[in-house]
Amino acid sequence: MSIDIESDYESGKLFSIAFAGAAAKRVLMIGDGADDECIEYVADE
């Protein structure tokens, strides 16, 4: 599985975690958007 974590270097604030593997791939992101087959939004860190 490949994992990519996006955060702010200065504040340490976390934005998203993306992962990709043979069984699934998805971007988990903090925000208010509408989920689709690739992106899933959550409320907070």
ModelCIF file with pLDDT and N, C-alpha, C, O atoms, coordinates in Angstrom:
data_MODEL
#
_entry.id   MODEL 
#
_entity.id                         1 
_entity.type                       polymer 
_entity.pdbx_number_of_molecules   1 
#
_entity_poly.entity_id                      1 
_entity_poly.type                           'polypeptide(L)' 
_entity_poly.nstd_linkage                   no 
_entity_poly.nstd_monomer                   no 
_entity_poly.pdbx_seq_one_letter_code       MSIDIESDYESGKLFSIAFAGAAAKRVLMIGDGADDECIEYVADE 
_entity_poly.pdbx_seq_one_letter_code_can   MSIDIESDYESGKLFSIAFAGAAAKRVLMIGDGADDECIEYVADE 
_entity_poly.pdbx_strand_id                 A 
#
loop_
_entity_poly_seq.entity_id 
_entity_poly_seq.num 
_entity_poly_seq.mon_id 
_entity_poly_seq.hetero 
1 1  MET n 
1 2  SER n 
1 3  ILE n 
1 4  ASP n 
1 5  ILE n 
1 6  GLU n 
1 7  SER n 
1 8  ASP n 
1 9  TYR n 
1 10 GLU n 
1 11 SER n 
1 12 GLY n 
1 13 LYS n 
1 14 LEU n 
1 15 PHE n 
1 16 SER n 
1 17 ILE n 
1 18 ALA n 
1 19 PHE n 
1 20 ALA n 
1 21 GLY n 
1 22 ALA n 
1 23 ALA n 
1 24 ALA n 
1 25 LYS n 
1 26 ARG n 
1 27 VAL n 
1 28 LEU n 
1 29 MET n 
1 30 ILE n 
1 31 GLY n 
1 32 ASP n 
1 33 GLY n 
1 34 ALA n 
1 35 ASP n 
1 36 ASP n 
1 37 GLU n 
1 38 CYS n 
1 39 ILE n 
1 40 GLU n 
1 41 TYR n 
1 42 VAL n 
1 43 ALA n 
1 44 ASP n 
1 45 GLU n 
#
_struct_asym.id          A 
_struct_asym.entity_id   1 
#
loop_
_ma_qa_metric.id 
_ma_qa_metric.mode 
_ma_qa_metric.name 
_ma_qa_metric.software_group_id 
_ma_qa_metric.type 
1 global pLDDT . pLDDT 
2 local  pLDDT . pLDDT 
#
_ma_qa_metric_global.metric_id      1 
_ma_qa_metric_global.metric_value   92.80 
_ma_qa_metric_global.model_id       1 
_ma_qa_metric_global.ordinal_id     1 
#
loop_
_ma_qa_metric_local.label_asym_id 
_ma_qa_metric_local.label_comp_id 
_ma_qa_metric_local.label_seq_id 
_ma_qa_metric_local.metric_id 
_ma_qa_metric_local.metric_value 
_ma_qa_metric_local.model_id 
_ma_qa_metric_local.ordinal_id 
A MET 1  2 89.00 1 1  
A SER 2  2 94.00 1 2  
A ILE 3  2 95.00 1 3  
A ASP 4  2 96.00 1 4  
A ILE 5  2 96.00 1 5  
A GLU 6  2 96.00 1 6  
A SER 7  2 94.00 1 7  
A ASP 8  2 93.00 1 8  
A TYR 9  2 90.00 1 9  
A GLU 10 2 91.00 1 10 
A SER 11 2 91.00 1 11 
A GLY 12 2 89.00 1 12 
A LYS 13 2 93.00 1 13 
A LEU 14 2 94.00 1 14 
A PHE 15 2 96.00 1 15 
A SER 16 2 97.00 1 16 
A ILE 17 2 97.00 1 17 
A ALA 18 2 97.00 1 18 
A PHE 19 2 96.00 1 19 
A ALA 20 2 95.00 1 20 
A GLY 21 2 89.00 1 21 
A ALA 22 2 85.00 1 22 
A ALA 23 2 87.00 1 23 
A ALA 24 2 90.00 1 24 
A LYS 25 2 93.00 1 25 
A ARG 26 2 94.00 1 26 
A VAL 27 2 97.00 1 27 
A LEU 28 2 96.00 1 28 
A MET 29 2 96.00 1 29 
A ILE 30 2 95.00 1 30 
A GLY 31 2 93.00 1 31 
A ASP 32 2 90.00 1 32 
A GLY 33 2 86.00 1 33 
A ALA 34 2 88.00 1 34 
A ASP 35 2 86.00 1 35 
A ASP 36 2 89.00 1 36 
A GLU 37 2 86.00 1 37 
A CYS 38 2 91.00 1 38 
A ILE 39 2 95.00 1 39 
A GLU 40 2 95.00 1 40 
A TYR 41 2 96.00 1 41 
A VAL 42 2 96.00 1 42 
A ALA 43 2 94.00 1 43 
A ASP 44 2 95.00 1 44 
A GLU 45 2 95.00 1 45 
#
loop_
_atom_site.group_PDB 
_atom_site.id 
_atom_site.type_symbol 
_atom_site.label_atom_id 
_atom_site.label_alt_id 
_atom_site.label_comp_id 
_atom_site.label_asym_id 
_atom_site.label_entity_id 
_atom_site.label_seq_id 
_atom_site.pdbx_PDB_ins_code 
_atom_site.Cartn_x 
_atom_site.Cartn_y 
_atom_site.Cartn_z 
_atom_site.occupancy 
_atom_site.B_iso_or_equiv 
_atom_site.pdbx_formal_charge 
_atom_site.auth_seq_id 
_atom_site.auth_comp_id 
_atom_site.auth_asym_id 
_atom_site.auth_atom_id 
_atom_site.pdbx_PDB_model_num 
ATOM 1   N N  . MET A 1 1  ? 0.845   -1.187 0.000  1.00 89.00 ? 1  MET A N  1 
ATOM 2   C CA . MET A 1 1  ? 0.000   0.000  0.000  1.00 89.00 ? 1  MET A CA 1 
ATOM 3   C C  . MET A 1 1  ? 0.883   1.240  0.000  1.00 89.00 ? 1  MET A C  1 
ATOM 4   O O  . MET A 1 1  ? 1.847   1.330  0.760  1.00 89.00 ? 1  MET A O  1 
ATOM 5   N N  . SER A 1 2  ? 0.547   2.179  -0.848 1.00 94.00 ? 2  SER A N  1 
ATOM 6   C CA . SER A 1 2  ? 1.232   3.472  -0.876 1.00 94.00 ? 2  SER A CA 1 
ATOM 7   C C  . SER A 1 2  ? 0.402   4.483  -0.101 1.00 94.00 ? 2  SER A C  1 
ATOM 8   O O  . SER A 1 2  ? -0.814  4.557  -0.278 1.00 94.00 ? 2  SER A O  1 
ATOM 9   N N  . ILE A 1 3  ? 1.051   5.262  0.757  1.00 95.00 ? 3  ILE A N  1 
ATOM 10  C CA . ILE A 1 3  ? 0.351   6.208  1.634  1.00 95.00 ? 3  ILE A CA 1 
ATOM 11  C C  . ILE A 1 3  ? 0.941   7.599  1.450  1.00 95.00 ? 3  ILE A C  1 
ATOM 12  O O  . ILE A 1 3  ? 2.160   7.753  1.374  1.00 95.00 ? 3  ILE A O  1 
ATOM 13  N N  . ASP A 1 4  ? 0.083   8.611  1.378  1.00 96.00 ? 4  ASP A N  1 
ATOM 14  C CA . ASP A 1 4  ? 0.523   9.999  1.250  1.00 96.00 ? 4  ASP A CA 1 
ATOM 15  C C  . ASP A 1 4  ? -0.245  10.847 2.261  1.00 96.00 ? 4  ASP A C  1 
ATOM 16  O O  . ASP A 1 4  ? -1.472  10.937 2.198  1.00 96.00 ? 4  ASP A O  1 
ATOM 17  N N  . ILE A 1 5  ? 0.469   11.459 3.178  1.00 96.00 ? 5  ILE A N  1 
ATOM 18  C CA . ILE A 1 5  ? -0.146  12.296 4.213  1.00 96.00 ? 5  ILE A CA 1 
ATOM 19  C C  . ILE A 1 5  ? 0.193   13.759 3.935  1.00 96.00 ? 5  ILE A C  1 
ATOM 20  O O  . ILE A 1 5  ? 1.364   14.123 3.836  1.00 96.00 ? 5  ILE A O  1 
ATOM 21  N N  . GLU A 1 6  ? -0.835  14.590 3.810  1.00 96.00 ? 6  GLU A N  1 
ATOM 22  C CA . GLU A 1 6  ? -0.643  16.022 3.553  1.00 96.00 ? 6  GLU A CA 1 
ATOM 23  C C  . GLU A 1 6  ? -0.878  16.809 4.839  1.00 96.00 ? 6  GLU A C  1 
ATOM 24  O O  . GLU A 1 6  ? -1.914  16.665 5.488  1.00 96.00 ? 6  GLU A O  1 
ATOM 25  N N  . SER A 1 7  ? 0.095   17.640 5.197  1.00 94.00 ? 7  SER A N  1 
ATOM 26  C CA . SER A 1 7  ? -0.031  18.457 6.403  1.00 94.00 ? 7  SER A CA 1 
ATOM 27  C C  . SER A 1 7  ? 0.733   19.754 6.213  1.00 94.00 ? 7  SER A C  1 
ATOM 28  O O  . SER A 1 7  ? 1.498   19.902 5.259  1.00 94.00 ? 7  SER A O  1 
ATOM 29  N N  . ASP A 1 8  ? 0.525   20.684 7.118  1.00 93.00 ? 8  ASP A N  1 
ATOM 30  C CA . ASP A 1 8  ? 1.223   21.967 7.079  1.00 93.00 ? 8  ASP A CA 1 
ATOM 31  C C  . ASP A 1 8  ? 2.464   21.893 7.960  1.00 93.00 ? 8  ASP A C  1 
ATOM 32  O O  . ASP A 1 8  ? 2.359   21.580 9.146  1.00 93.00 ? 8  ASP A O  1 
ATOM 33  N N  . TYR A 1 9  ? 3.635   22.174 7.400  1.00 90.00 ? 9  TYR A N  1 
ATOM 34  C CA . TYR A 1 9  ? 4.886   22.023 8.136  1.00 90.00 ? 9  TYR A CA 1 
ATOM 35  C C  . TYR A 1 9  ? 4.943   22.969 9.339  1.00 90.00 ? 9  TYR A C  1 
ATOM 36  O O  . TYR A 1 9  ? 5.411   22.576 10.408 1.00 90.00 ? 9  TYR A O  1 
ATOM 37  N N  . GLU A 1 10 ? 4.479   24.192 9.182  1.00 91.00 ? 10 GLU A N  1 
ATOM 38  C CA . GLU A 1 10 ? 4.600   25.189 10.251 1.00 91.00 ? 10 GLU A CA 1 
ATOM 39  C C  . GLU A 1 10 ? 3.645   24.899 11.408 1.00 91.00 ? 10 GLU A C  1 
ATOM 40  O O  . GLU A 1 10 ? 4.047   24.937 12.571 1.00 91.00 ? 10 GLU A O  1 
ATOM 41  N N  . SER A 1 11 ? 2.395   24.613 11.094 1.00 91.00 ? 11 SER A N  1 
ATOM 42  C CA . SER A 1 11 ? 1.384   24.464 12.145 1.00 91.00 ? 11 SER A CA 1 
ATOM 43  C C  . SER A 1 11 ? 1.177   23.017 12.581 1.00 91.00 ? 11 SER A C  1 
ATOM 44  O O  . SER A 1 11 ? 0.646   22.766 13.663 1.00 91.00 ? 11 SER A O  1 
ATOM 45  N N  . GLY A 1 12 ? 1.595   22.057 11.739 1.00 89.00 ? 12 GLY A N  1 
ATOM 46  C CA . GLY A 1 12 ? 1.337   20.665 12.039 1.00 89.00 ? 12 GLY A CA 1 
ATOM 47  C C  . GLY A 1 12 ? -0.088  20.252 11.732 1.00 89.00 ? 12 GLY A C  1 
ATOM 48  O O  . GLY A 1 12 ? -0.488  19.136 12.062 1.00 89.00 ? 12 GLY A O  1 
ATOM 49  N N  . LYS A 1 13 ? -0.865  21.128 11.104 1.00 93.00 ? 13 LYS A N  1 
ATOM 50  C CA . LYS A 1 13 ? -2.255  20.828 10.796 1.00 93.00 ? 13 LYS A CA 1 
ATOM 51  C C  . LYS A 1 13 ? -2.341  19.748 9.724  1.00 93.00 ? 13 LYS A C  1 
ATOM 52  O O  . LYS A 1 13 ? -1.619  19.794 8.728  1.00 93.00 ? 13 LYS A O  1 
ATOM 53  N N  . LEU A 1 14 ? -3.218  18.785 9.931  1.00 94.00 ? 14 LEU A N  1 
ATOM 54  C CA . LEU A 1 14 ? -3.395  17.671 9.006  1.00 94.00 ? 14 LEU A CA 1 
ATOM 55  C C  . LEU A 1 14 ? -4.513  17.992 8.021  1.00 94.00 ? 14 LEU A C  1 
ATOM 56  O O  . LEU A 1 14 ? -5.575  18.469 8.421  1.00 94.00 ? 14 LEU A O  1 
ATOM 57  N N  . PHE A 1 15 ? -4.277  17.731 6.720  1.00 96.00 ? 15 PHE A N  1 
ATOM 58  C CA . PHE A 1 15 ? -5.264  18.009 5.689  1.00 96.00 ? 15 PHE A CA 1 
ATOM 59  C C  . PHE A 1 15 ? -5.908  16.744 5.127  1.00 96.00 ? 15 PHE A C  1 
ATOM 60  O O  . PHE A 1 15 ? -7.130  16.668 5.004  1.00 96.00 ? 15 PHE A O  1 
ATOM 61  N N  . SER A 1 16 ? -5.085  15.754 4.786  1.00 97.00 ? 16 SER A N  1 
ATOM 62  C CA . SER A 1 16 ? -5.635  14.573 4.119  1.00 97.00 ? 16 SER A CA 1 
ATOM 63  C C  . SER A 1 16 ? -4.699  13.395 4.250  1.00 97.00 ? 16 SER A C  1 
ATOM 64  O O  . SER A 1 16 ? -3.509  13.551 4.523  1.00 97.00 ? 16 SER A O  1 
ATOM 65  N N  . ILE A 1 17 ? -5.256  12.205 4.049  1.00 97.00 ? 17 ILE A N  1 
ATOM 66  C CA . ILE A 1 17 ? -4.489  10.964 3.957  1.00 97.00 ? 17 ILE A CA 1 
ATOM 67  C C  . ILE A 1 17 ? -4.991  10.222 2.714  1.00 97.00 ? 17 ILE A C  1 
ATOM 68  O O  . ILE A 1 17 ? -6.175  9.908  2.600  1.00 97.00 ? 17 ILE A O  1 
ATOM 69  N N  . ALA A 1 18 ? -4.080  9.954  1.799  1.00 97.00 ? 18 ALA A N  1 
ATOM 70  C CA . ALA A 1 18 ? -4.432  9.212  0.585  1.00 97.00 ? 18 ALA A CA 1 
ATOM 71  C C  . ALA A 1 18 ? -3.723  7.863  0.612  1.00 97.00 ? 18 ALA A C  1 
ATOM 72  O O  . ALA A 1 18 ? -2.604  7.754  1.114  1.00 97.00 ? 18 ALA A O  1 
ATOM 73  N N  . PHE A 1 19 ? -4.371  6.845  0.077  1.00 96.00 ? 19 PHE A N  1 
ATOM 74  C CA . PHE A 1 19 ? -3.749  5.528  0.022  1.00 96.00 ? 19 PHE A CA 1 
ATOM 75  C C  . PHE A 1 19 ? -4.162  4.828  -1.265 1.00 96.00 ? 19 PHE A C  1 
ATOM 76  O O  . PHE A 1 19 ? -5.237  5.075  -1.812 1.00 96.00 ? 19 PHE A O  1 
ATOM 77  N N  . ALA A 1 20 ? -3.290  3.956  -1.730 1.00 95.00 ? 20 ALA A N  1 
ATOM 78  C CA . ALA A 1 20 ? -3.568  3.185  -2.942 1.00 95.00 ? 20 ALA A CA 1 
ATOM 79  C C  . ALA A 1 20 ? -2.936  1.819  -2.807 1.00 95.00 ? 20 ALA A C  1 
ATOM 80  O O  . ALA A 1 20 ? -1.775  1.689  -2.418 1.00 95.00 ? 20 ALA A O  1 
ATOM 81  N N  . GLY A 1 21 ? -3.720  0.792  -3.134 1.00 89.00 ? 21 GLY A N  1 
ATOM 82  C CA . GLY A 1 21 ? -3.237  -0.582 -3.117 1.00 89.00 ? 21 GLY A CA 1 
ATOM 83  C C  . GLY A 1 21 ? -4.037  -1.411 -4.093 1.00 89.00 ? 21 GLY A C  1 
ATOM 84  O O  . GLY A 1 21 ? -4.882  -0.889 -4.820 1.00 89.00 ? 21 GLY A O  1 
ATOM 85  N N  . ALA A 1 22 ? -3.771  -2.696 -4.108 1.00 85.00 ? 22 ALA A N  1 
ATOM 86  C CA . ALA A 1 22 ? -4.464  -3.565 -5.055 1.00 85.00 ? 22 ALA A CA 1 
ATOM 87  C C  . ALA A 1 22 ? -5.957  -3.645 -4.763 1.00 85.00 ? 22 ALA A C  1 
ATOM 88  O O  . ALA A 1 22 ? -6.760  -3.804 -5.683 1.00 85.00 ? 22 ALA A O  1 
ATOM 89  N N  . ALA A 1 23 ? -6.338  -3.537 -3.488 1.00 87.00 ? 23 ALA A N  1 
ATOM 90  C CA . ALA A 1 23 ? -7.738  -3.725 -3.114 1.00 87.00 ? 23 ALA A CA 1 
ATOM 91  C C  . ALA A 1 23 ? -8.558  -2.440 -3.149 1.00 87.00 ? 23 ALA A C  1 
ATOM 92  O O  . ALA A 1 23 ? -9.772  -2.495 -3.348 1.00 87.00 ? 23 ALA A O  1 
ATOM 93  N N  . ALA A 1 24 ? -7.919  -1.278 -2.958 1.00 90.00 ? 24 ALA A N  1 
ATOM 94  C CA . ALA A 1 24 ? -8.669  -0.026 -2.898 1.00 90.00 ? 24 ALA A CA 1 
ATOM 95  C C  . ALA A 1 24 ? -7.715  1.158  -3.006 1.00 90.00 ? 24 ALA A C  1 
ATOM 96  O O  . ALA A 1 24 ? -6.522  1.046  -2.725 1.00 90.00 ? 24 ALA A O  1 
ATOM 97  N N  . LYS A 1 25 ? -8.268  2.286  -3.417 1.00 93.00 ? 25 LYS A N  1 
ATOM 98  C CA . LYS A 1 25 ? -7.528  3.541  -3.390 1.00 93.00 ? 25 LYS A CA 1 
ATOM 99  C C  . LYS A 1 25 ? -8.510  4.655  -3.068 1.00 93.00 ? 25 LYS A C  1 
ATOM 100 O O  . LYS A 1 25 ? -9.642  4.664  -3.550 1.00 93.00 ? 25 LYS A O  1 
ATOM 101 N N  . ARG A 1 26 ? -8.055  5.602  -2.239 1.00 94.00 ? 26 ARG A N  1 
ATOM 102 C CA . ARG A 1 26 ? -8.977  6.632  -1.773 1.00 94.00 ? 26 ARG A CA 1 
ATOM 103 C C  . ARG A 1 26 ? -8.193  7.793  -1.181 1.00 94.00 ? 26 ARG A C  1 
ATOM 104 O O  . ARG A 1 26 ? -7.074  7.630  -0.693 1.00 94.00 ? 26 ARG A O  1 
ATOM 105 N N  . VAL A 1 27 ? -8.816  8.978  -1.238 1.00 97.00 ? 27 VAL A N  1 
ATOM 106 C CA . VAL A 1 27 ? -8.292  10.165 -0.567 1.00 97.00 ? 27 VAL A CA 1 
ATOM 107 C C  . VAL A 1 27 ? -9.265  10.542 0.536  1.00 97.00 ? 27 VAL A C  1 
ATOM 108 O O  . VAL A 1 27 ? -10.432 10.829 0.266  1.00 97.00 ? 27 VAL A O  1 
ATOM 109 N N  . LEU A 1 28 ? -8.796  10.542 1.771  1.00 96.00 ? 28 LEU A N  1 
ATOM 110 C CA . LEU A 1 28 ? -9.587  10.981 2.919  1.00 96.00 ? 28 LEU A CA 1 
ATOM 111 C C  . LEU A 1 28 ? -9.197  12.424 3.208  1.00 96.00 ? 28 LEU A C  1 
ATOM 112 O O  . LEU A 1 28 ? -8.025  12.710 3.452  1.00 96.00 ? 28 LEU A O  1 
ATOM 113 N N  . MET A 1 29 ? -10.174 13.344 3.182  1.00 96.00 ? 29 MET A N  1 
ATOM 114 C CA . MET A 1 29 ? -9.853  14.767 3.244  1.00 96.00 ? 29 MET A CA 1 
ATOM 115 C C  . MET A 1 29 ? -10.785 15.488 4.211  1.00 96.00 ? 29 MET A C  1 
ATOM 116 O O  . MET A 1 29 ? -11.983 15.209 4.253  1.00 96.00 ? 29 MET A O  1 
ATOM 117 N N  . ILE A 1 30 ? -10.234 16.407 4.979  1.00 95.00 ? 30 ILE A N  1 
ATOM 118 C CA . ILE A 1 30 ? -11.047 17.235 5.866  1.00 95.00 ? 30 ILE A CA 1 
ATOM 119 C C  . ILE A 1 30 ? -11.757 18.295 5.027  1.00 95.00 ? 30 ILE A C  1 
ATOM 120 O O  . ILE A 1 30 ? -11.112 19.031 4.280  1.00 95.00 ? 30 ILE A O  1 
ATOM 121 N N  . GLY A 1 31 ? -13.085 18.376 5.149  1.00 93.00 ? 31 GLY A N  1 
ATOM 122 C CA . GLY A 1 31 ? -13.833 19.356 4.365  1.00 93.00 ? 31 GLY A CA 1 
ATOM 123 C C  . GLY A 1 31 ? -15.305 19.027 4.302  1.00 93.00 ? 31 GLY A C  1 
ATOM 124 O O  . GLY A 1 31 ? -15.778 18.090 4.944  1.00 93.00 ? 31 GLY A O  1 
ATOM 125 N N  . ASP A 1 32 ? -16.036 19.824 3.505  1.00 90.00 ? 32 ASP A N  1 
ATOM 126 C CA . ASP A 1 32 ? -17.492 19.695 3.419  1.00 90.00 ? 32 ASP A CA 1 
ATOM 127 C C  . ASP A 1 32 ? -17.959 19.220 2.049  1.00 90.00 ? 32 ASP A C  1 
ATOM 128 O O  . ASP A 1 32 ? -19.147 19.316 1.741  1.00 90.00 ? 32 ASP A O  1 
ATOM 129 N N  . GLY A 1 33 ? -17.058 18.715 1.228  1.00 86.00 ? 33 GLY A N  1 
ATOM 130 C CA . GLY A 1 33 ? -17.444 18.320 -0.122 1.00 86.00 ? 33 GLY A CA 1 
ATOM 131 C C  . GLY A 1 33 ? -18.299 17.063 -0.143 1.00 86.00 ? 33 GLY A C  1 
ATOM 132 O O  . GLY A 1 33 ? -18.531 16.424 0.883  1.00 86.00 ? 33 GLY A O  1 
ATOM 133 N N  . ALA A 1 34 ? -18.759 16.728 -1.338 1.00 88.00 ? 34 ALA A N  1 
ATOM 134 C CA . ALA A 1 34 ? -19.557 15.520 -1.539 1.00 88.00 ? 34 ALA A CA 1 
ATOM 135 C C  . ALA A 1 34 ? -18.639 14.351 -1.883 1.00 88.00 ? 34 ALA A C  1 
ATOM 136 O O  . ALA A 1 34 ? -17.757 14.479 -2.732 1.00 88.00 ? 34 ALA A O  1 
ATOM 137 N N  . ASP A 1 35 ? -18.844 13.228 -1.234 1.00 86.00 ? 35 ASP A N  1 
ATOM 138 C CA . ASP A 1 35 ? -18.024 12.042 -1.484 1.00 86.00 ? 35 ASP A CA 1 
ATOM 139 C C  . ASP A 1 35 ? -18.248 11.525 -2.906 1.00 86.00 ? 35 ASP A C  1 
ATOM 140 O O  . ASP A 1 35 ? -19.343 11.647 -3.456 1.00 86.00 ? 35 ASP A O  1 
ATOM 141 N N  . ASP A 1 36 ? -17.216 10.959 -3.480 1.00 89.00 ? 36 ASP A N  1 
ATOM 142 C CA . ASP A 1 36 ? -17.354 10.235 -4.734 1.00 89.00 ? 36 ASP A CA 1 
ATOM 143 C C  . ASP A 1 36 ? -16.538 8.952  -4.627 1.00 89.00 ? 36 ASP A C  1 
ATOM 144 O O  . ASP A 1 36 ? -16.143 8.574  -3.524 1.00 89.00 ? 36 ASP A O  1 
ATOM 145 N N  . GLU A 1 37 ? -16.275 8.274  -5.737 1.00 86.00 ? 37 GLU A N  1 
ATOM 146 C CA . GLU A 1 37 ? -15.594 6.979  -5.672 1.00 86.00 ? 37 GLU A CA 1 
ATOM 147 C C  . GLU A 1 37 ? -14.127 7.093  -5.279 1.00 86.00 ? 37 GLU A C  1 
ATOM 148 O O  . GLU A 1 37 ? -13.508 6.088  -4.927 1.00 86.00 ? 37 GLU A O  1 
ATOM 149 N N  . CYS A 1 38 ? -13.558 8.292  -5.331 1.00 91.00 ? 38 CYS A N  1 
ATOM 150 C CA . CYS A 1 38 ? -12.136 8.464  -5.004 1.00 91.00 ? 38 CYS A CA 1 
ATOM 151 C C  . CYS A 1 38 ? -11.901 9.287  -3.741 1.00 91.00 ? 38 CYS A C  1 
ATOM 152 O O  . CYS A 1 38 ? -10.914 9.063  -3.040 1.00 91.00 ? 38 CYS A O  1 
ATOM 153 N N  . ILE A 1 39 ? -12.782 10.232 -3.439 1.00 95.00 ? 39 ILE A N  1 
ATOM 154 C CA . ILE A 1 39 ? -12.574 11.165 -2.330 1.00 95.00 ? 39 ILE A CA 1 
ATOM 155 C C  . ILE A 1 39 ? -13.668 10.988 -1.294 1.00 95.00 ? 39 ILE A C  1 
ATOM 156 O O  . ILE A 1 39 ? -14.850 10.875 -1.618 1.00 95.00 ? 39 ILE A O  1 
ATOM 157 N N  . GLU A 1 40 ? -13.242 10.968 -0.040 1.00 95.00 ? 40 GLU A N  1 
ATOM 158 C CA . GLU A 1 40 ? -14.177 10.869 1.083  1.00 95.00 ? 40 GLU A CA 1 
ATOM 159 C C  . GLU A 1 40 ? -13.864 11.998 2.056  1.00 95.00 ? 40 GLU A C  1 
ATOM 160 O O  . GLU A 1 40 ? -12.724 12.134 2.499  1.00 95.00 ? 40 GLU A O  1 
ATOM 161 N N  . TYR A 1 41 ? -14.860 12.806 2.390  1.00 96.00 ? 41 TYR A N  1 
ATOM 162 C CA . TYR A 1 41 ? -14.665 13.958 3.264  1.00 96.00 ? 41 TYR A CA 1 
ATOM 163 C C  . TYR A 1 41 ? -15.042 13.613 4.710  1.00 96.00 ? 41 TYR A C  1 
ATOM 164 O O  . TYR A 1 41 ? -15.985 12.863 4.961  1.00 96.00 ? 41 TYR A O  1 
ATOM 165 N N  . VAL A 1 42 ? -14.279 14.178 5.651  1.00 96.00 ? 42 VAL A N  1 
ATOM 166 C CA . VAL A 1 42 ? -14.531 13.984 7.080  1.00 96.00 ? 42 VAL A CA 1 
ATOM 167 C C  . VAL A 1 42 ? -14.523 15.331 7.772  1.00 96.00 ? 42 VAL A C  1 
ATOM 168 O O  . VAL A 1 42 ? -14.086 16.330 7.202  1.00 96.00 ? 42 VAL A O  1 
ATOM 169 N N  . ALA A 1 43 ? -15.009 15.355 9.004  1.00 94.00 ? 43 ALA A N  1 
ATOM 170 C CA . ALA A 1 43 ? -15.235 16.632 9.691  1.00 94.00 ? 43 ALA A CA 1 
ATOM 171 C C  . ALA A 1 43 ? -13.967 17.268 10.239 1.00 94.00 ? 43 ALA A C  1 
ATOM 172 O O  . ALA A 1 43 ? -13.816 18.487 10.162 1.00 94.00 ? 43 ALA A O  1 
ATOM 173 N N  . ASP A 1 44 ? -13.040 16.466 10.796 1.00 95.00 ? 44 ASP A N  1 
ATOM 174 C CA . ASP A 1 44 ? -11.890 17.045 11.471 1.00 95.00 ? 44 ASP A CA 1 
ATOM 175 C C  . ASP A 1 44 ? -10.730 16.043 11.503 1.00 95.00 ? 44 ASP A C  1 
ATOM 176 O O  . ASP A 1 44 ? -10.841 14.937 10.975 1.00 95.00 ? 44 ASP A O  1 
ATOM 177 N N  . GLU A 1 45 ? -9.615  16.445 12.129 1.00 95.00 ? 45 GLU A N  1 
ATOM 178 C CA . GLU A 1 45 ? -8.415  15.600 12.167 1.00 95.00 ? 45 GLU A CA 1 
ATOM 179 C C  . GLU A 1 45 ? -8.683  14.271 12.861 1.00 95.00 ? 45 GLU A C  1 
ATOM 180 O O  . GLU A 1 45 ? -7.780  13.443 12.979 1.00 95.00 ? 45 GLU A O  1 
#
